[in-house]
Amino acid sequence: MVGTSADKVGRLPSDTSLVMPIRVHFVLDLADGYRSVLENASKGARRDFRQKYRQYDWEFGVEGDPIWFDHFYERIYRATMFQRYGERARTESRDSAYECLFRSGVLFYLAMNGERIAGHLCHWDPQSGVLTSRLLGVLDGAEEYYAAGTLKVMYFLLMKWAAENGVRRLDFQGTEAFLSKGTYQMKRRFGTRVILPPNHFGRKRLWLQVRRDTPEVRDFLVANPVLQVTKEGKLEAVYFYDDERPARVDYRAVGAGVEAVRHFSLDEFLAGRRADGKAYGRVQPS
């Protein structure tokens, strides 16, 4: 797998290869209001939100006090990152979060039964009307708040607030272009549209070439359906399968922004590869 640019990726070999975006974003256009947002979200997501919303007394609002920003940064955001990723956690610096996000953005809090147990710091661009999700978490990264449905409730209340406060588009940011990512499946359920990132990452590509035909390679490709970028810059879902490994269609891709869904036989795709890595033939999804 090689990272490159959209301009250069066409120069790389196309046999047994895929061209993927480095990342994708999930956006909601809010011109039609919150009712439309609810209608476009999946039935399961709406059901989960309503069930969790009835179980507790929730309060969602905006906080502009720098003192609470410090609490959010240390006890909510950083605590959540380290609880989830441990030593592998990569966090935004406190100064960057304060100067680049808090001072010109929006910091939301979520209270459950009177106690603030979650927060969400967003970047705000008044010229474009885009509110972008950046940093979030739950108090001390505690699992009990995830179990209570905190993040699901917070996302829906954020969508409601945005629709009622002049936000043109809500950008949930995104994830890598593997449909098996939990983040992909969660954000898809909100009725979002999948786009290439609206920044320099939008012109970045991943070139994935398969050089060996082994059971392990086949297992990986089937278990991880992907989004590929066509020559026209459109996004398509690619599911691999063979006689022993059915396509993982439980990882849903259908939705706005995904122009096509393709099922591709590994026997055809890997016809140009052998277990020892030697190549013959040129076959790729098209």
Protein backbone atom coordinates (compact mmCIF):
# COMPACT_ATOMS: atom_id res chain seq x y z
CA MET A 1 0.00 0.00 0.00
CA VAL A 2 1.44 3.35 -1.07
CA GLY A 3 0.26 6.87 -0.30
CA THR A 4 0.37 9.24 -3.26
CA SER A 5 -1.56 12.05 -4.94
CA ALA A 6 -4.56 11.94 -7.26
CA ASP A 7 -2.33 13.33 -10.01
CA LYS A 8 0.35 10.64 -9.68
CA VAL A 9 -1.65 7.52 -8.88
CA GLY A 10 -2.51 6.95 -12.54
CA ARG A 11 1.16 6.31 -13.27
CA LEU A 12 1.25 3.27 -10.98
CA PRO A 13 0.53 -0.26 -12.27
CA SER A 14 -3.15 -1.12 -12.43
CA ASP A 15 -2.90 -4.93 -12.30
CA THR A 16 -4.43 -6.46 -9.15
CA SER A 17 -4.68 -3.02 -7.60
CA LEU A 18 -7.17 -0.57 -6.17
CA VAL A 19 -7.10 3.21 -5.85
CA MET A 20 -8.63 4.35 -2.57
CA PRO A 21 -9.09 7.71 -0.87
CA ILE A 22 -6.84 8.27 2.14
CA ARG A 23 -9.95 9.24 4.12
CA VAL A 24 -13.60 10.02 3.56
CA HIS A 25 -15.85 12.49 5.38
CA PHE A 26 -19.52 12.16 6.33
CA VAL A 27 -21.61 15.30 5.91
CA LEU A 28 -25.21 16.35 6.51
CA ASP A 29 -26.75 19.16 4.49
CA LEU A 30 -29.26 20.91 6.74
CA ALA A 31 -31.24 23.14 4.37
CA ASP A 32 -34.40 21.07 4.91
CA GLY A 33 -34.26 21.18 8.72
CA TYR A 34 -34.08 18.66 11.53
CA ARG A 35 -37.22 16.78 10.53
CA SER A 36 -35.56 15.85 7.25
CA VAL A 37 -32.43 14.79 9.14
CA LEU A 38 -34.48 12.40 11.26
CA GLU A 39 -36.26 10.99 8.23
CA ASN A 40 -32.96 10.27 6.47
CA ALA A 41 -31.31 8.57 9.46
CA SER A 42 -31.63 4.80 9.60
CA LYS A 43 -34.59 3.32 11.47
CA GLY A 44 -32.19 1.59 13.84
CA ALA A 45 -30.37 4.83 14.66
CA ARG A 46 -33.64 6.66 15.33
CA ARG A 47 -34.89 3.81 17.50
CA ASP A 48 -31.67 3.68 19.53
CA PHE A 49 -31.72 7.45 20.07
CA ARG A 50 -35.34 7.54 21.23
CA GLN A 51 -34.85 4.61 23.60
CA LYS A 52 -31.77 6.16 25.21
CA TYR A 53 -33.29 9.64 25.27
CA ARG A 54 -36.27 8.42 27.32
CA GLN A 55 -34.12 6.65 29.91
CA TYR A 56 -32.39 9.72 31.37
CA ASP A 57 -32.82 13.46 31.85
CA TRP A 58 -30.54 14.93 29.15
CA GLU A 59 -29.41 18.53 28.70
CA PHE A 60 -27.42 19.71 25.67
CA GLY A 61 -25.95 23.19 25.36
CA VAL A 62 -23.08 25.50 24.44
CA GLU A 63 -20.32 26.42 26.90
CA GLY A 64 -18.01 29.41 26.41
CA ASP A 65 -16.17 29.44 29.75
CA PRO A 66 -12.40 28.79 29.35
CA ILE A 67 -12.40 27.06 32.72
CA TRP A 68 -14.82 24.45 31.44
CA PHE A 69 -12.72 24.11 28.29
CA ASP A 70 -9.83 23.01 30.51
CA HIS A 71 -12.11 20.50 32.22
CA PHE A 72 -13.31 19.23 28.84
CA TYR A 73 -9.79 18.93 27.47
CA GLU A 74 -8.31 17.01 30.42
CA ARG A 75 -11.19 15.04 31.94
CA ILE A 76 -13.25 14.36 28.83
CA TYR A 77 -11.27 14.53 25.58
CA ARG A 78 -7.79 13.40 26.69
CA ALA A 79 -9.19 10.93 29.20
CA THR A 80 -11.33 9.33 26.50
CA MET A 81 -8.44 9.12 24.03
CA PHE A 82 -6.12 7.46 26.53
CA GLN A 83 -8.83 5.15 27.82
CA ARG A 84 -9.49 3.94 24.26
CA TYR A 85 -5.99 3.91 22.78
CA GLY A 86 -3.55 3.88 25.70
CA GLU A 87 0.01 4.70 24.69
CA ARG A 88 -1.03 4.80 21.02
CA ALA A 89 -3.32 7.78 21.62
CA ARG A 90 -2.61 10.83 19.48
CA THR A 91 -4.24 13.96 20.84
CA GLU A 92 -4.60 17.56 19.75
CA SER A 93 -2.38 19.78 21.89
CA ARG A 94 -4.11 21.92 24.49
CA ASP A 95 -2.87 25.17 22.91
CA SER A 96 -4.00 24.15 19.43
CA ALA A 97 -7.42 23.04 20.68
CA TYR A 98 -7.87 26.32 22.54
CA GLU A 99 -6.58 28.75 19.92
CA CYS A 100 -7.76 27.04 16.73
CA LEU A 101 -11.01 25.45 17.90
CA PHE A 102 -12.41 26.81 21.16
CA ARG A 103 -11.86 30.53 20.56
CA SER A 104 -13.61 30.60 17.19
CA GLY A 105 -15.59 27.36 17.35
CA VAL A 106 -18.34 25.86 19.47
CA LEU A 107 -17.93 23.72 22.60
CA PHE A 108 -20.98 21.63 23.47
CA TYR A 109 -21.72 19.84 26.73
CA LEU A 110 -24.09 16.99 27.44
CA ALA A 111 -25.50 16.52 30.93
CA MET A 112 -27.20 13.36 32.18
CA ASN A 113 -29.43 13.70 35.25
CA GLY A 114 -27.85 17.07 36.01
CA GLU A 115 -24.18 16.06 35.65
CA ARG A 116 -22.09 17.05 32.64
CA ILE A 117 -20.70 13.77 31.39
CA ALA A 118 -19.67 14.48 27.78
CA GLY A 119 -18.44 17.23 25.49
CA HIS A 120 -17.94 17.95 21.81
CA LEU A 121 -15.66 20.66 20.40
CA CYS A 122 -16.39 21.73 16.82
CA HIS A 123 -14.73 24.02 14.29
CA TRP A 124 -17.01 26.72 12.89
CA ASP A 125 -16.57 28.43 9.53
CA PRO A 126 -19.10 31.29 9.33
CA GLN A 127 -18.31 32.02 5.68
CA SER A 128 -19.23 28.55 4.45
CA GLY A 129 -21.70 27.77 7.22
CA VAL A 130 -19.94 24.47 7.95
CA LEU A 131 -19.69 23.10 11.49
CA THR A 132 -17.03 20.39 11.72
CA SER A 133 -16.77 17.80 14.48
CA ARG A 134 -13.25 17.71 15.94
CA LEU A 135 -12.79 16.60 19.56
CA LEU A 136 -15.23 14.72 21.77
CA GLY A 137 -15.42 12.28 24.63
CA VAL A 138 -17.10 11.21 27.85
CA LEU A 139 -16.11 11.97 31.43
CA ASP A 140 -12.95 10.05 32.36
CA GLY A 141 -13.52 7.88 29.29
CA ALA A 142 -15.84 5.76 31.43
CA GLU A 143 -17.49 2.80 29.74
CA GLU A 144 -20.71 3.33 31.70
CA TYR A 145 -21.45 6.46 29.69
CA TYR A 146 -21.02 4.65 26.38
CA ALA A 147 -23.41 1.99 27.64
CA ALA A 148 -25.93 4.72 28.50
CA GLY A 149 -25.95 5.80 24.86
CA THR A 150 -24.19 9.09 25.48
CA LEU A 151 -22.56 9.43 22.06
CA LYS A 152 -25.71 8.49 20.14
CA VAL A 153 -27.73 11.04 22.09
CA MET A 154 -25.06 13.71 21.68
CA TYR A 155 -24.83 13.22 17.91
CA PHE A 156 -28.60 13.56 17.42
CA LEU A 157 -28.83 16.61 19.69
CA LEU A 158 -25.91 18.15 17.81
CA MET A 159 -27.77 17.62 14.54
CA LYS A 160 -30.86 19.26 16.02
CA TRP A 161 -28.89 22.24 17.34
CA ALA A 162 -27.10 22.71 14.02
CA ALA A 163 -30.34 22.61 12.02
CA GLU A 164 -31.90 25.22 14.31
CA ASN A 165 -28.91 27.59 14.51
CA GLY A 166 -28.02 28.51 10.96
CA VAL A 167 -25.56 25.72 10.16
CA ARG A 168 -25.63 24.92 6.44
CA ARG A 169 -23.63 21.71 6.65
CA LEU A 170 -22.52 19.48 9.49
CA ASP A 171 -19.26 17.65 8.82
CA PHE A 172 -18.74 14.62 11.05
CA GLN A 173 -15.22 14.17 9.65
CA GLY A 174 -14.63 10.54 8.92
CA THR A 175 -12.39 7.54 8.75
CA GLU A 176 -10.31 5.38 6.44
CA ALA A 177 -12.11 3.98 3.39
CA PHE A 178 -12.71 0.49 4.80
CA LEU A 179 -16.38 -0.39 5.22
CA SER A 180 -15.47 -2.67 8.14
CA LYS A 181 -14.48 0.32 10.29
CA GLY A 182 -16.92 0.84 13.12
CA THR A 183 -16.73 4.60 12.63
CA TYR A 184 -17.81 4.21 8.99
CA GLN A 185 -20.83 2.11 9.88
CA MET A 186 -21.88 4.37 12.77
CA LYS A 187 -21.73 7.66 10.86
CA ARG A 188 -23.41 6.13 7.81
CA ARG A 189 -26.49 5.46 9.95
CA PHE A 190 -27.11 9.18 10.45
CA GLY A 191 -28.14 9.55 6.81
CA THR A 192 -24.92 11.28 5.91
CA ARG A 193 -23.40 11.77 2.47
CA VAL A 194 -19.92 10.34 1.90
CA ILE A 195 -17.46 12.77 0.29
CA LEU A 196 -13.75 13.15 -0.28
CA PRO A 197 -12.27 15.37 2.45
CA PRO A 198 -12.78 19.11 1.78
CA ASN A 199 -9.11 19.81 2.50
CA HIS A 200 -5.71 18.70 1.20
CA PHE A 201 -6.55 15.07 2.00
CA GLY A 202 -9.15 15.20 -0.76
CA ARG A 203 -6.36 14.99 -3.35
CA LYS A 204 -4.51 12.16 -1.58
CA ARG A 205 -4.84 8.53 -2.63
CA LEU A 206 -3.87 5.07 -1.43
CA TRP A 207 -2.64 2.64 -4.06
CA LEU A 208 -3.21 -0.91 -2.87
CA GLN A 209 -1.67 -3.65 -4.96
CA VAL A 210 -2.05 -7.34 -4.10
CA ARG A 211 1.15 -9.24 -4.90
CA ARG A 212 0.38 -12.71 -3.56
CA ASP A 213 -2.60 -15.03 -3.78
CA THR A 214 -2.71 -16.76 -0.38
CA PRO A 215 -5.55 -17.76 1.95
CA GLU A 216 -4.55 -14.96 4.32
CA VAL A 217 -4.70 -12.36 1.55
CA ARG A 218 -8.11 -13.60 0.47
CA ASP A 219 -9.34 -13.54 4.07
CA PHE A 220 -8.24 -9.92 4.42
CA LEU A 221 -9.76 -8.70 1.16
CA VAL A 222 -13.12 -10.33 1.84
CA ALA A 223 -13.22 -9.19 5.47
CA ASN A 224 -12.47 -5.59 4.53
CA PRO A 225 -14.57 -4.25 1.64
CA VAL A 226 -13.38 -0.82 0.57
CA LEU A 227 -14.29 2.37 -1.22
CA GLN A 228 -12.35 2.97 -4.40
CA VAL A 229 -12.00 6.20 -6.37
CA THR A 230 -12.77 5.98 -10.07
CA LYS A 231 -10.86 7.88 -12.73
CA GLU A 232 -13.72 10.38 -12.70
CA GLY A 233 -13.25 10.95 -8.96
CA LYS A 234 -16.41 9.10 -7.90
CA LEU A 235 -16.63 6.73 -4.94
CA GLU A 236 -17.59 3.09 -5.43
CA ALA A 237 -17.85 0.25 -2.93
CA VAL A 238 -15.92 -2.93 -3.76
CA TYR A 239 -16.80 -6.27 -2.15
CA PHE A 240 -14.58 -9.28 -2.84
CA TYR A 241 -15.72 -12.89 -2.65
CA ASP A 242 -14.84 -16.42 -3.74
CA ASP A 243 -16.45 -19.86 -3.51
CA GLU A 244 -15.45 -20.26 0.15
CA ARG A 245 -15.79 -16.65 1.29
CA PRO A 246 -19.08 -14.83 0.69
CA ALA A 247 -19.02 -11.06 0.25
CA ARG A 248 -19.37 -9.18 3.57
CA VAL A 249 -22.50 -7.32 2.56
CA ASP A 250 -23.33 -6.87 6.25
CA TYR A 251 -20.91 -3.95 6.02
CA ARG A 252 -23.36 -1.62 4.34
CA ALA A 253 -22.22 0.92 1.77
CA VAL A 254 -25.42 2.03 0.06
CA GLY A 255 -26.06 5.71 0.64
CA ALA A 256 -25.58 9.19 -0.72
CA GLY A 257 -22.13 9.73 -2.17
CA VAL A 258 -21.44 6.10 -3.06
CA GLU A 259 -22.13 5.96 -6.79
CA ALA A 260 -22.00 2.19 -7.28
CA VAL A 261 -21.56 -1.11 -5.45
CA ARG A 262 -19.42 -3.75 -7.14
CA HIS A 263 -18.96 -7.42 -6.26
CA PHE A 264 -15.71 -8.79 -7.62
CA SER A 265 -14.56 -12.40 -7.75
CA LEU A 266 -11.17 -12.97 -6.17
CA ASP A 267 -10.51 -15.71 -8.70
CA GLU A 268 -10.68 -13.05 -11.40
CA PHE A 269 -8.98 -10.27 -9.45
CA LEU A 270 -6.05 -12.48 -8.40
CA ALA A 271 -5.76 -14.29 -11.72
CA GLY A 272 -2.56 -12.36 -12.26
CA ARG A 273 -0.95 -13.42 -8.96
CA ARG A 274 0.45 -16.60 -7.45
CA ALA A 275 1.28 -17.51 -3.88
CA ASP A 276 4.99 -16.87 -4.53
CA GLY A 277 4.27 -13.30 -5.62
CA LYS A 278 5.04 -13.78 -9.31
CA ALA A 279 2.59 -12.03 -11.59
CA TYR A 280 0.87 -12.79 -14.83
CA GLY A 281 -2.16 -11.15 -16.44
CA ARG A 282 -3.75 -7.79 -15.67
CA VAL A 283 -7.11 -7.84 -13.90
CA GLN A 284 -8.61 -5.08 -11.77
CA PRO A 285 -12.07 -3.84 -10.78
CA SER A 286 -13.51 -1.53 -13.42
